[in-house]
Amino acid sequence: MSLLRLLLPALLLAGCAAVQPQHPSAPPATYAAQASRVAAIHTFALNGRIAVLTEKKGFSGSMRWHHHAEGDEIGFYSPIGTQLGQISANTDNVTLTTSDKKVYTAANAETLMQDTLGWSLPMTGLKDWVLGRPAAGDAELLAWDASGHLTHMRQQGWDIEYPHYIDAHGQWLPGKVVLKSQKLDLKLVVEQWIGTEAGE
């Protein structure tokens, strides 16, 4: 029997092993502890820089975001600090007030931003993703760091990465969030977590 015939089964097995899909291991205990702490946050406020890129439009500037039980208040600012718009969302509707005091209203923030700005933030999931946790529903958790912080996941058609975390008054929360979908790329750099509150 030739050497090639002896080695062929081993080579075939090695080739099959090389193309087997890789599945992430179960979340470590450190992730479970971190996830439990972050899950208790119901109110937050942050200041940061944001960059949005679509096929046709983009935006780069800063934002101030206050998320609370009744909804959200989000202000967008130019790189020199001029306020460009203010989004106010509650359980009934969403309004966008522009720098020239025009007011637009819609049933949800995504529709309002798309119609008025030409791009839209994924608000349904973003209020959770910005805290470093998956939103409600199925999510593919892909990677964690040694401290148990989520560093990569996929959910609702978005690929979400967390390059680093920062100390937010004794709690470690994302310092940068990078989101990508087929239609939009978003980078949010959190310069300051002003406060977070836990609830029942």
N, C-alpha and C. Protein backbone atom coordinates (compact mmCIF):
# COMPACT_ATOMS: atom_id res chain seq x y z
N MET A 1 0.85 -1.20 0.00
CA MET A 1 0.00 0.00 0.00
C MET A 1 0.89 1.24 0.00
N SER A 2 0.59 2.15 -0.88
CA SER A 2 1.45 3.33 -1.01
C SER A 2 1.29 4.25 0.18
N LEU A 3 2.31 5.09 0.40
CA LEU A 3 2.28 6.07 1.49
C LEU A 3 1.11 7.03 1.31
N LEU A 4 0.81 7.40 0.06
CA LEU A 4 -0.28 8.33 -0.21
C LEU A 4 -1.60 7.75 0.25
N ARG A 5 -1.83 6.45 -0.02
CA ARG A 5 -3.09 5.82 0.38
C ARG A 5 -3.19 5.76 1.89
N LEU A 6 -2.07 5.61 2.58
CA LEU A 6 -2.09 5.59 4.03
C LEU A 6 -2.41 6.97 4.62
N LEU A 7 -1.88 8.01 3.98
CA LEU A 7 -2.03 9.36 4.51
C LEU A 7 -3.34 10.01 4.09
N LEU A 8 -3.96 9.53 3.00
CA LEU A 8 -5.13 10.20 2.46
C LEU A 8 -6.27 10.33 3.47
N PRO A 9 -6.66 9.28 4.21
CA PRO A 9 -7.75 9.45 5.19
C PRO A 9 -7.43 10.52 6.23
N ALA A 10 -6.19 10.54 6.70
CA ALA A 10 -5.81 11.54 7.71
C ALA A 10 -5.88 12.94 7.15
N LEU A 11 -5.45 13.09 5.87
CA LEU A 11 -5.49 14.41 5.25
C LEU A 11 -6.92 14.87 5.05
N LEU A 12 -7.80 13.95 4.67
CA LEU A 12 -9.20 14.30 4.49
C LEU A 12 -9.84 14.72 5.80
N LEU A 13 -9.52 13.98 6.86
CA LEU A 13 -10.06 14.33 8.17
C LEU A 13 -9.56 15.68 8.63
N ALA A 14 -8.30 15.95 8.39
CA ALA A 14 -7.73 17.24 8.78
C ALA A 14 -8.38 18.37 8.01
N GLY A 15 -8.65 18.13 6.71
CA GLY A 15 -9.31 19.16 5.90
C GLY A 15 -10.71 19.43 6.39
N CYS A 16 -11.44 18.36 6.76
CA CYS A 16 -12.80 18.55 7.28
C CYS A 16 -12.78 19.32 8.58
N ALA A 17 -11.82 19.00 9.44
CA ALA A 17 -11.74 19.70 10.72
C ALA A 17 -11.46 21.17 10.53
N ALA A 18 -10.69 21.50 9.50
CA ALA A 18 -10.31 22.90 9.30
C ALA A 18 -11.48 23.78 8.91
N VAL A 19 -12.52 23.20 8.31
CA VAL A 19 -13.62 24.02 7.84
C VAL A 19 -14.86 23.90 8.73
N GLN A 20 -14.74 23.23 9.88
CA GLN A 20 -15.87 23.13 10.78
C GLN A 20 -16.20 24.51 11.34
N PRO A 21 -17.51 24.88 11.40
CA PRO A 21 -17.87 26.17 11.96
C PRO A 21 -17.50 26.27 13.43
N GLN A 22 -17.08 27.45 13.83
CA GLN A 22 -16.68 27.67 15.21
C GLN A 22 -17.85 28.27 15.99
N HIS A 23 -18.18 27.68 17.13
CA HIS A 23 -19.28 28.17 17.95
C HIS A 23 -18.70 28.76 19.24
N PRO A 24 -19.22 29.92 19.68
CA PRO A 24 -18.69 30.51 20.91
C PRO A 24 -19.02 29.63 22.11
N SER A 25 -18.14 29.65 23.07
CA SER A 25 -18.38 28.90 24.29
C SER A 25 -19.46 29.59 25.11
N ALA A 26 -19.95 28.92 26.12
CA ALA A 26 -20.96 29.51 26.98
C ALA A 26 -20.40 30.75 27.68
N PRO A 27 -21.24 31.73 27.96
CA PRO A 27 -20.75 32.94 28.65
C PRO A 27 -20.07 32.58 29.95
N PRO A 28 -18.94 33.21 30.26
CA PRO A 28 -18.25 32.91 31.51
C PRO A 28 -19.02 33.46 32.70
N ALA A 29 -18.67 32.99 33.88
CA ALA A 29 -19.34 33.44 35.10
C ALA A 29 -19.17 34.95 35.29
N THR A 30 -18.03 35.49 34.85
CA THR A 30 -17.79 36.92 34.99
C THR A 30 -18.77 37.72 34.13
N TYR A 31 -19.15 37.16 32.96
CA TYR A 31 -20.14 37.83 32.12
C TYR A 31 -21.51 37.82 32.80
N ALA A 32 -21.87 36.71 33.41
CA ALA A 32 -23.16 36.61 34.09
C ALA A 32 -23.27 37.64 35.20
N ALA A 33 -22.19 37.84 35.94
CA ALA A 33 -22.20 38.82 37.02
C ALA A 33 -22.33 40.24 36.47
N GLN A 34 -21.58 40.54 35.40
CA GLN A 34 -21.65 41.86 34.77
C GLN A 34 -23.04 42.08 34.17
N ALA A 35 -23.58 41.08 33.50
CA ALA A 35 -24.89 41.20 32.87
C ALA A 35 -25.97 41.46 33.91
N SER A 36 -25.85 40.85 35.07
CA SER A 36 -26.82 41.06 36.14
C SER A 36 -26.79 42.50 36.63
N ARG A 37 -25.61 43.06 36.76
CA ARG A 37 -25.49 44.46 37.20
C ARG A 37 -26.07 45.41 36.16
N VAL A 38 -25.75 45.18 34.90
CA VAL A 38 -26.21 46.08 33.84
C VAL A 38 -27.71 45.94 33.63
N ALA A 39 -28.25 44.74 33.83
CA ALA A 39 -29.69 44.51 33.63
C ALA A 39 -30.53 45.35 34.59
N ALA A 40 -29.94 45.77 35.71
CA ALA A 40 -30.69 46.54 36.70
C ALA A 40 -30.79 48.01 36.34
N ILE A 41 -30.06 48.47 35.31
CA ILE A 41 -30.08 49.88 34.95
C ILE A 41 -31.33 50.19 34.13
N HIS A 42 -32.09 51.17 34.56
CA HIS A 42 -33.30 51.57 33.85
C HIS A 42 -33.27 53.02 33.39
N THR A 43 -32.38 53.80 33.94
CA THR A 43 -32.26 55.21 33.58
C THR A 43 -30.79 55.55 33.40
N PHE A 44 -30.47 56.30 32.34
CA PHE A 44 -29.08 56.71 32.15
C PHE A 44 -29.03 58.05 31.42
N ALA A 45 -27.88 58.69 31.52
CA ALA A 45 -27.62 59.92 30.77
C ALA A 45 -26.16 59.90 30.35
N LEU A 46 -25.89 60.35 29.14
CA LEU A 46 -24.51 60.34 28.64
C LEU A 46 -24.27 61.51 27.70
N ASN A 47 -23.02 61.88 27.60
CA ASN A 47 -22.54 62.81 26.58
C ASN A 47 -21.53 62.06 25.72
N GLY A 48 -21.59 62.27 24.41
CA GLY A 48 -20.66 61.55 23.56
C GLY A 48 -20.56 62.13 22.17
N ARG A 49 -19.74 61.49 21.37
CA ARG A 49 -19.57 61.86 19.97
C ARG A 49 -20.14 60.75 19.10
N ILE A 50 -20.74 61.15 17.99
CA ILE A 50 -21.43 60.19 17.14
C ILE A 50 -21.05 60.42 15.68
N ALA A 51 -20.90 59.33 14.95
CA ALA A 51 -20.65 59.39 13.51
C ALA A 51 -21.56 58.38 12.83
N VAL A 52 -22.33 58.86 11.87
CA VAL A 52 -23.28 58.02 11.14
C VAL A 52 -22.94 58.07 9.67
N LEU A 53 -22.92 56.91 9.03
CA LEU A 53 -22.59 56.85 7.61
C LEU A 53 -23.57 55.91 6.90
N THR A 54 -24.24 56.42 5.86
CA THR A 54 -25.09 55.60 5.01
C THR A 54 -24.57 55.70 3.59
N GLU A 55 -25.27 55.06 2.66
CA GLU A 55 -24.84 55.13 1.27
C GLU A 55 -24.97 56.55 0.70
N LYS A 56 -25.91 57.33 1.23
CA LYS A 56 -26.18 58.64 0.64
C LYS A 56 -25.89 59.80 1.59
N LYS A 57 -25.99 59.57 2.91
CA LYS A 57 -25.85 60.66 3.85
C LYS A 57 -25.00 60.25 5.03
N GLY A 58 -24.58 61.25 5.78
CA GLY A 58 -23.81 60.99 6.98
C GLY A 58 -23.93 62.14 7.95
N PHE A 59 -23.49 61.89 9.16
CA PHE A 59 -23.51 62.92 10.19
C PHE A 59 -22.37 62.66 11.14
N SER A 60 -21.73 63.73 11.56
CA SER A 60 -20.67 63.64 12.55
C SER A 60 -20.79 64.81 13.50
N GLY A 61 -20.83 64.54 14.78
CA GLY A 61 -20.98 65.60 15.76
C GLY A 61 -21.04 65.00 17.15
N SER A 62 -21.80 65.61 18.01
CA SER A 62 -21.92 65.12 19.38
C SER A 62 -23.39 64.95 19.73
N MET A 63 -23.62 64.23 20.82
CA MET A 63 -24.99 64.00 21.27
C MET A 63 -25.05 63.97 22.78
N ARG A 64 -26.20 64.35 23.29
CA ARG A 64 -26.51 64.23 24.70
C ARG A 64 -27.80 63.42 24.80
N TRP A 65 -27.76 62.36 25.58
CA TRP A 65 -28.88 61.43 25.62
C TRP A 65 -29.28 61.17 27.06
N HIS A 66 -30.56 61.40 27.34
CA HIS A 66 -31.13 61.07 28.65
C HIS A 66 -32.25 60.07 28.42
N HIS A 67 -32.05 58.86 28.91
CA HIS A 67 -33.08 57.82 28.80
C HIS A 67 -33.71 57.63 30.16
N HIS A 68 -35.05 57.68 30.22
CA HIS A 68 -35.77 57.55 31.48
C HIS A 68 -37.02 56.71 31.26
N ALA A 69 -37.76 56.49 32.32
CA ALA A 69 -38.91 55.59 32.25
C ALA A 69 -39.97 56.06 31.26
N GLU A 70 -40.12 57.38 31.10
CA GLU A 70 -41.14 57.93 30.21
C GLU A 70 -40.70 57.99 28.76
N GLY A 71 -39.42 57.88 28.49
CA GLY A 71 -38.95 57.97 27.11
C GLY A 71 -37.51 58.43 27.01
N ASP A 72 -37.24 59.25 26.00
CA ASP A 72 -35.87 59.68 25.72
C ASP A 72 -35.83 61.16 25.34
N GLU A 73 -34.71 61.80 25.70
CA GLU A 73 -34.40 63.16 25.24
C GLU A 73 -33.01 63.09 24.62
N ILE A 74 -32.91 63.36 23.33
CA ILE A 74 -31.62 63.26 22.63
C ILE A 74 -31.36 64.55 21.87
N GLY A 75 -30.24 65.17 22.16
CA GLY A 75 -29.84 66.37 21.45
C GLY A 75 -28.65 66.08 20.54
N PHE A 76 -28.70 66.59 19.31
CA PHE A 76 -27.60 66.44 18.36
C PHE A 76 -26.94 67.80 18.15
N TYR A 77 -25.60 67.80 18.09
CA TYR A 77 -24.84 69.04 18.01
C TYR A 77 -23.78 68.94 16.92
N SER A 78 -23.46 70.07 16.32
CA SER A 78 -22.41 70.13 15.31
C SER A 78 -21.05 69.98 15.99
N PRO A 79 -19.99 69.76 15.20
CA PRO A 79 -18.65 69.64 15.81
C PRO A 79 -18.23 70.87 16.61
N ILE A 80 -18.82 72.04 16.32
CA ILE A 80 -18.46 73.25 17.08
C ILE A 80 -19.45 73.53 18.22
N GLY A 81 -20.40 72.62 18.42
CA GLY A 81 -21.29 72.73 19.57
C GLY A 81 -22.64 73.36 19.32
N THR A 82 -22.98 73.68 18.08
CA THR A 82 -24.29 74.25 17.77
C THR A 82 -25.35 73.15 17.76
N GLN A 83 -26.43 73.37 18.47
CA GLN A 83 -27.48 72.35 18.51
C GLN A 83 -28.20 72.30 17.17
N LEU A 84 -28.28 71.09 16.62
CA LEU A 84 -28.91 70.88 15.32
C LEU A 84 -30.32 70.35 15.44
N GLY A 85 -30.61 69.64 16.50
CA GLY A 85 -31.94 69.08 16.67
C GLY A 85 -32.10 68.46 18.03
N GLN A 86 -33.35 68.33 18.45
CA GLN A 86 -33.68 67.72 19.73
C GLN A 86 -34.82 66.73 19.52
N ILE A 87 -34.60 65.48 19.91
CA ILE A 87 -35.63 64.46 19.82
C ILE A 87 -36.21 64.22 21.21
N SER A 88 -37.53 64.27 21.30
CA SER A 88 -38.23 63.96 22.55
C SER A 88 -39.20 62.83 22.27
N ALA A 89 -39.03 61.73 22.98
CA ALA A 89 -39.86 60.55 22.76
C ALA A 89 -40.55 60.15 24.05
N ASN A 90 -41.84 59.83 23.93
CA ASN A 90 -42.59 59.28 25.06
C ASN A 90 -43.46 58.13 24.56
N THR A 91 -44.33 57.65 25.40
CA THR A 91 -45.13 56.49 25.02
C THR A 91 -46.16 56.81 23.94
N ASP A 92 -46.46 58.09 23.74
CA ASP A 92 -47.49 58.48 22.77
C ASP A 92 -46.92 58.80 21.39
N ASN A 93 -45.84 59.57 21.34
CA ASN A 93 -45.28 59.96 20.05
C ASN A 93 -43.85 60.45 20.21
N VAL A 94 -43.27 60.85 19.08
CA VAL A 94 -41.90 61.36 19.07
C VAL A 94 -41.89 62.67 18.31
N THR A 95 -41.18 63.66 18.84
CA THR A 95 -41.06 64.94 18.15
C THR A 95 -39.59 65.27 17.91
N LEU A 96 -39.33 65.91 16.80
CA LEU A 96 -38.00 66.40 16.47
C LEU A 96 -38.10 67.91 16.27
N THR A 97 -37.36 68.65 17.07
CA THR A 97 -37.31 70.10 16.95
C THR A 97 -35.97 70.48 16.35
N THR A 98 -35.98 71.16 15.20
CA THR A 98 -34.75 71.53 14.51
C THR A 98 -34.20 72.85 15.06
N SER A 99 -33.01 73.21 14.59
CA SER A 99 -32.37 74.44 15.05
C SER A 99 -33.16 75.69 14.68
N ASP A 100 -33.97 75.61 13.62
CA ASP A 100 -34.80 76.75 13.23
C ASP A 100 -36.22 76.63 13.77
N LYS A 101 -36.38 75.82 14.85
CA LYS A 101 -37.62 75.72 15.61
C LYS A 101 -38.76 75.02 14.86
N LYS A 102 -38.47 74.33 13.79
CA LYS A 102 -39.50 73.53 13.14
C LYS A 102 -39.70 72.24 13.94
N VAL A 103 -40.95 71.82 14.06
CA VAL A 103 -41.27 70.64 14.86
C VAL A 103 -41.91 69.57 13.97
N TYR A 104 -41.37 68.36 14.03
CA TYR A 104 -41.89 67.24 13.27
C TYR A 104 -42.32 66.15 14.26
N THR A 105 -43.38 65.44 13.92
CA THR A 105 -43.93 64.42 14.82
C THR A 105 -44.14 63.12 14.07
N ALA A 106 -43.91 62.01 14.76
CA ALA A 106 -44.14 60.68 14.17
C ALA A 106 -44.45 59.70 15.29
N ALA A 107 -44.84 58.50 14.89
CA ALA A 107 -45.20 57.48 15.88
C ALA A 107 -43.98 56.89 16.56
N ASN A 108 -42.83 56.88 15.88
CA ASN A 108 -41.62 56.33 16.49
C ASN A 108 -40.39 57.08 16.00
N ALA A 109 -39.30 56.96 16.74
CA ALA A 109 -38.10 57.74 16.46
C ALA A 109 -37.44 57.33 15.15
N GLU A 110 -37.46 56.03 14.83
CA GLU A 110 -36.81 55.57 13.61
C GLU A 110 -37.43 56.20 12.37
N THR A 111 -38.77 56.21 12.31
CA THR A 111 -39.45 56.80 11.17
C THR A 111 -39.21 58.30 11.10
N LEU A 112 -39.25 58.95 12.23
CA LEU A 112 -39.06 60.40 12.28
C LEU A 112 -37.68 60.80 11.78
N MET A 113 -36.65 60.13 12.25
CA MET A 113 -35.29 60.47 11.84
C MET A 113 -35.06 60.17 10.36
N GLN A 114 -35.59 59.05 9.90
CA GLN A 114 -35.41 58.69 8.50
C GLN A 114 -36.08 59.71 7.59
N ASP A 115 -37.27 60.15 7.95
CA ASP A 115 -38.02 61.10 7.11
C ASP A 115 -37.42 62.50 7.13
N THR A 116 -36.84 62.90 8.26
CA THR A 116 -36.35 64.28 8.39
C THR A 116 -34.84 64.41 8.19
N LEU A 117 -34.09 63.40 8.61
CA LEU A 117 -32.63 63.48 8.55
C LEU A 117 -32.03 62.66 7.42
N GLY A 118 -32.78 61.67 6.94
CA GLY A 118 -32.25 60.80 5.90
C GLY A 118 -31.49 59.61 6.45
N TRP A 119 -31.42 59.48 7.75
CA TRP A 119 -30.82 58.33 8.42
C TRP A 119 -31.52 58.13 9.75
N SER A 120 -31.35 56.95 10.33
CA SER A 120 -32.09 56.64 11.54
C SER A 120 -31.27 55.80 12.48
N LEU A 121 -31.31 56.12 13.76
CA LEU A 121 -30.68 55.31 14.79
C LEU A 121 -31.62 54.16 15.16
N PRO A 122 -31.09 52.99 15.44
CA PRO A 122 -31.94 51.84 15.81
C PRO A 122 -32.38 51.94 17.27
N MET A 123 -33.29 52.86 17.55
CA MET A 123 -33.63 53.18 18.93
C MET A 123 -34.20 52.01 19.71
N THR A 124 -34.90 51.10 19.04
CA THR A 124 -35.50 49.96 19.74
C THR A 124 -34.45 49.16 20.49
N GLY A 125 -33.30 48.95 19.87
CA GLY A 125 -32.24 48.19 20.53
C GLY A 125 -31.16 49.04 21.15
N LEU A 126 -30.97 50.26 20.65
CA LEU A 126 -29.82 51.06 21.04
C LEU A 126 -29.82 51.40 22.52
N LYS A 127 -30.98 51.58 23.12
CA LYS A 127 -31.03 51.93 24.54
C LYS A 127 -30.47 50.80 25.42
N ASP A 128 -30.47 49.57 24.91
CA ASP A 128 -29.83 48.46 25.61
C ASP A 128 -28.39 48.28 25.15
N TRP A 129 -28.16 48.34 23.85
CA TRP A 129 -26.82 48.10 23.31
C TRP A 129 -25.80 49.10 23.85
N VAL A 130 -26.23 50.34 24.07
CA VAL A 130 -25.28 51.34 24.54
C VAL A 130 -24.78 51.01 25.95
N LEU A 131 -25.55 50.20 26.69
CA LEU A 131 -25.14 49.78 28.02
C LEU A 131 -24.31 48.50 28.01
N GLY A 132 -24.14 47.92 26.83
CA GLY A 132 -23.36 46.69 26.74
C GLY A 132 -24.17 45.45 27.04
N ARG A 133 -25.47 45.48 26.70
CA ARG A 133 -26.32 44.32 26.93
C ARG A 133 -27.23 44.11 25.73
N PRO A 134 -27.66 42.87 25.48
CA PRO A 134 -28.59 42.64 24.37
C PRO A 134 -29.97 43.19 24.69
N ALA A 135 -30.69 43.58 23.64
CA ALA A 135 -32.08 43.98 23.81
C ALA A 135 -32.95 42.73 23.94
N ALA A 136 -34.24 42.94 24.18
CA ALA A 136 -35.15 41.80 24.29
C ALA A 136 -35.19 41.03 22.97
N GLY A 137 -35.32 39.73 23.06
CA GLY A 137 -35.35 38.89 21.87
C GLY A 137 -34.06 38.12 21.68
N ASP A 138 -34.00 37.36 20.61
CA ASP A 138 -32.83 36.53 20.34
C ASP A 138 -31.61 37.40 20.02
N ALA A 139 -30.47 36.99 20.53
CA ALA A 139 -29.21 37.66 20.25
C ALA A 139 -28.10 36.63 20.18
N GLU A 140 -27.14 36.89 19.32
CA GLU A 140 -25.98 36.01 19.18
C GLU A 140 -24.81 36.66 19.91
N LEU A 141 -24.50 36.14 21.08
CA LEU A 141 -23.39 36.66 21.87
C LEU A 141 -22.11 35.96 21.42
N LEU A 142 -21.14 36.77 20.99
CA LEU A 142 -19.98 36.19 20.32
C LEU A 142 -18.69 36.23 21.12
N ALA A 143 -18.47 37.28 21.93
CA ALA A 143 -17.17 37.38 22.60
C ALA A 143 -17.29 38.23 23.86
N TRP A 144 -16.41 37.91 24.82
CA TRP A 144 -16.32 38.64 26.09
C TRP A 144 -14.86 38.87 26.39
N ASP A 145 -14.61 39.86 27.27
CA ASP A 145 -13.23 40.04 27.71
C ASP A 145 -13.04 39.33 29.05
N ALA A 146 -11.85 39.44 29.60
CA ALA A 146 -11.53 38.71 30.83
C ALA A 146 -12.36 39.17 32.01
N SER A 147 -12.87 40.40 31.94
CA SER A 147 -13.67 40.93 33.04
C SER A 147 -15.16 40.63 32.90
N GLY A 148 -15.52 39.94 31.81
CA GLY A 148 -16.91 39.59 31.61
C GLY A 148 -17.70 40.61 30.83
N HIS A 149 -17.03 41.62 30.27
CA HIS A 149 -17.73 42.61 29.47
C HIS A 149 -17.97 42.06 28.06
N LEU A 150 -19.18 42.21 27.58
CA LEU A 150 -19.51 41.78 26.22
C LEU A 150 -18.72 42.64 25.23
N THR A 151 -18.05 42.00 24.28
CA THR A 151 -17.25 42.74 23.30
C THR A 151 -17.76 42.61 21.88
N HIS A 152 -18.64 41.62 21.62
CA HIS A 152 -19.14 41.44 20.25
C HIS A 152 -20.44 40.64 20.29
N MET A 153 -21.47 41.14 19.61
CA MET A 153 -22.71 40.39 19.48
C MET A 153 -23.41 40.79 18.19
N ARG A 154 -24.42 40.01 17.83
CA ARG A 154 -25.27 40.32 16.68
C ARG A 154 -26.73 40.24 17.12
N GLN A 155 -27.52 41.23 16.70
CA GLN A 155 -28.93 41.23 17.05
C GLN A 155 -29.70 42.16 16.11
N GLN A 156 -30.89 41.75 15.75
CA GLN A 156 -31.80 42.56 14.94
C GLN A 156 -31.14 43.05 13.63
N GLY A 157 -30.28 42.23 13.06
CA GLY A 157 -29.62 42.59 11.81
C GLY A 157 -28.43 43.51 11.98
N TRP A 158 -27.99 43.71 13.22
CA TRP A 158 -26.85 44.60 13.50
C TRP A 158 -25.68 43.80 14.05
N ASP A 159 -24.48 44.17 13.62
CA ASP A 159 -23.25 43.65 14.17
C ASP A 159 -22.73 44.71 15.14
N ILE A 160 -22.54 44.35 16.41
CA ILE A 160 -22.27 45.32 17.46
C ILE A 160 -20.97 44.96 18.16
N GLU A 161 -20.04 45.91 18.23
CA GLU A 161 -18.76 45.69 18.88
C GLU A 161 -18.52 46.74 19.95
N TYR A 162 -17.79 46.34 20.98
CA TYR A 162 -17.43 47.22 22.08
C TYR A 162 -15.90 47.22 22.23
N PRO A 163 -15.22 48.17 21.58
CA PRO A 163 -13.76 48.17 21.64
C PRO A 163 -13.19 48.39 23.05
N HIS A 164 -13.89 49.19 23.88
CA HIS A 164 -13.41 49.37 25.24
C HIS A 164 -14.52 49.87 26.15
N TYR A 165 -14.28 49.72 27.46
CA TYR A 165 -15.21 50.15 28.50
C TYR A 165 -14.56 51.22 29.36
N ILE A 166 -15.40 52.02 30.03
CA ILE A 166 -14.89 53.06 30.91
C ILE A 166 -15.60 52.98 32.26
N ASP A 167 -14.95 53.55 33.27
CA ASP A 167 -15.51 53.57 34.62
C ASP A 167 -16.62 54.62 34.69
N ALA A 168 -17.84 54.18 34.96
CA ALA A 168 -18.98 55.07 35.06
C ALA A 168 -19.47 55.08 36.51
N HIS A 169 -18.78 55.86 37.33
CA HIS A 169 -19.16 56.00 38.74
C HIS A 169 -19.17 54.64 39.44
N GLY A 170 -18.12 53.87 39.22
CA GLY A 170 -17.98 52.58 39.87
C GLY A 170 -18.54 51.41 39.09
N GLN A 171 -19.18 51.67 37.97
CA GLN A 171 -19.72 50.62 37.10
C GLN A 171 -19.03 50.73 35.75
N TRP A 172 -18.58 49.61 35.21
CA TRP A 172 -17.92 49.63 33.92
C TRP A 172 -18.94 49.50 32.80
N LEU A 173 -19.00 50.57 31.96
CA LEU A 173 -19.94 50.63 30.84
C LEU A 173 -19.19 50.95 29.56
N PRO A 174 -19.78 50.69 28.39
CA PRO A 174 -19.06 50.91 27.14
C PRO A 174 -18.56 52.35 26.97
N GLY A 175 -17.31 52.45 26.52
CA GLY A 175 -16.75 53.76 26.15
C GLY A 175 -16.87 54.00 24.66
N LYS A 176 -17.07 52.93 23.92
CA LYS A 176 -17.24 53.04 22.47
C LYS A 176 -18.13 51.90 21.99
N VAL A 177 -19.07 52.23 21.13
CA VAL A 177 -19.97 51.24 20.54
C VAL A 177 -19.92 51.40 19.02
N VAL A 178 -19.68 50.31 18.32
CA VAL A 178 -19.63 50.33 16.86
C VAL A 178 -20.71 49.40 16.34
N LEU A 179 -21.65 49.96 15.56
CA LEU A 179 -22.75 49.18 15.01
C LEU A 179 -22.70 49.22 13.49
N LYS A 180 -22.97 48.07 12.88
CA LYS A 180 -22.98 47.99 11.42
C LYS A 180 -24.17 47.16 10.97
N SER A 181 -24.86 47.67 9.94
CA SER A 181 -25.93 46.93 9.28
C SER A 181 -25.71 47.07 7.79
N GLN A 182 -26.62 46.53 7.00
CA GLN A 182 -26.47 46.63 5.55
C GLN A 182 -26.67 48.05 5.06
N LYS A 183 -27.34 48.88 5.84
CA LYS A 183 -27.67 50.22 5.38
C LYS A 183 -26.94 51.34 6.12
N LEU A 184 -26.38 51.05 7.30
CA LEU A 184 -25.85 52.14 8.11
C LEU A 184 -24.70 51.67 8.98
N ASP A 185 -23.68 52.53 9.12
CA ASP A 185 -22.59 52.33 10.08
C ASP A 185 -22.69 53.42 11.14
N LEU A 186 -22.55 53.03 12.40
CA LEU A 186 -22.68 53.99 13.50
C LEU A 186 -21.55 53.79 14.49
N LYS A 187 -20.92 54.89 14.87
CA LYS A 187 -19.91 54.86 15.92
C LYS A 187 -20.31 55.85 17.00
N LEU A 188 -20.37 55.38 18.22
CA LEU A 188 -20.70 56.24 19.36
C LEU A 188 -19.59 56.14 20.39
N VAL A 189 -18.96 57.26 20.67
CA VAL A 189 -17.92 57.33 21.69
C VAL A 189 -18.51 58.05 22.89
N VAL A 190 -18.61 57.35 24.00
CA VAL A 190 -19.16 57.94 25.22
C VAL A 190 -18.04 58.66 25.95
N GLU A 191 -18.14 59.97 26.03
CA GLU A 191 -17.14 60.76 26.73
C GLU A 191 -17.44 60.86 28.22
N GLN A 192 -18.72 60.76 28.57
CA GLN A 192 -19.10 60.89 29.97
C GLN A 192 -20.43 60.19 30.23
N TRP A 193 -20.41 59.26 31.16
CA TRP A 193 -21.65 58.72 31.71
C TRP A 193 -22.01 59.62 32.88
N ILE A 194 -23.08 60.41 32.71
CA ILE A 194 -23.44 61.37 33.75
C ILE A 194 -24.07 60.68 34.94
N GLY A 195 -24.84 59.63 34.66
CA GLY A 195 -25.46 58.91 35.76
C GLY A 195 -26.27 57.75 35.26
N THR A 196 -26.40 56.73 36.09
CA THR A 196 -27.26 55.59 35.81
C THR A 196 -28.03 55.30 37.08
N GLU A 197 -29.24 54.80 36.90
CA GLU A 197 -30.06 54.44 38.04
C GLU A 197 -30.63 53.05 37.85
N ALA A 198 -30.62 52.28 38.91
CA ALA A 198 -31.20 50.95 38.88
C ALA A 198 -32.63 51.02 39.36
N GLY A 199 -33.43 50.06 38.90
CA GLY A 199 -34.82 50.01 39.30
C GLY A 199 -35.21 48.61 39.68
N GLU A 200 -36.46 48.49 40.10
CA GLU A 200 -36.95 47.16 40.50
C GLU A 200 -37.20 46.30 39.27
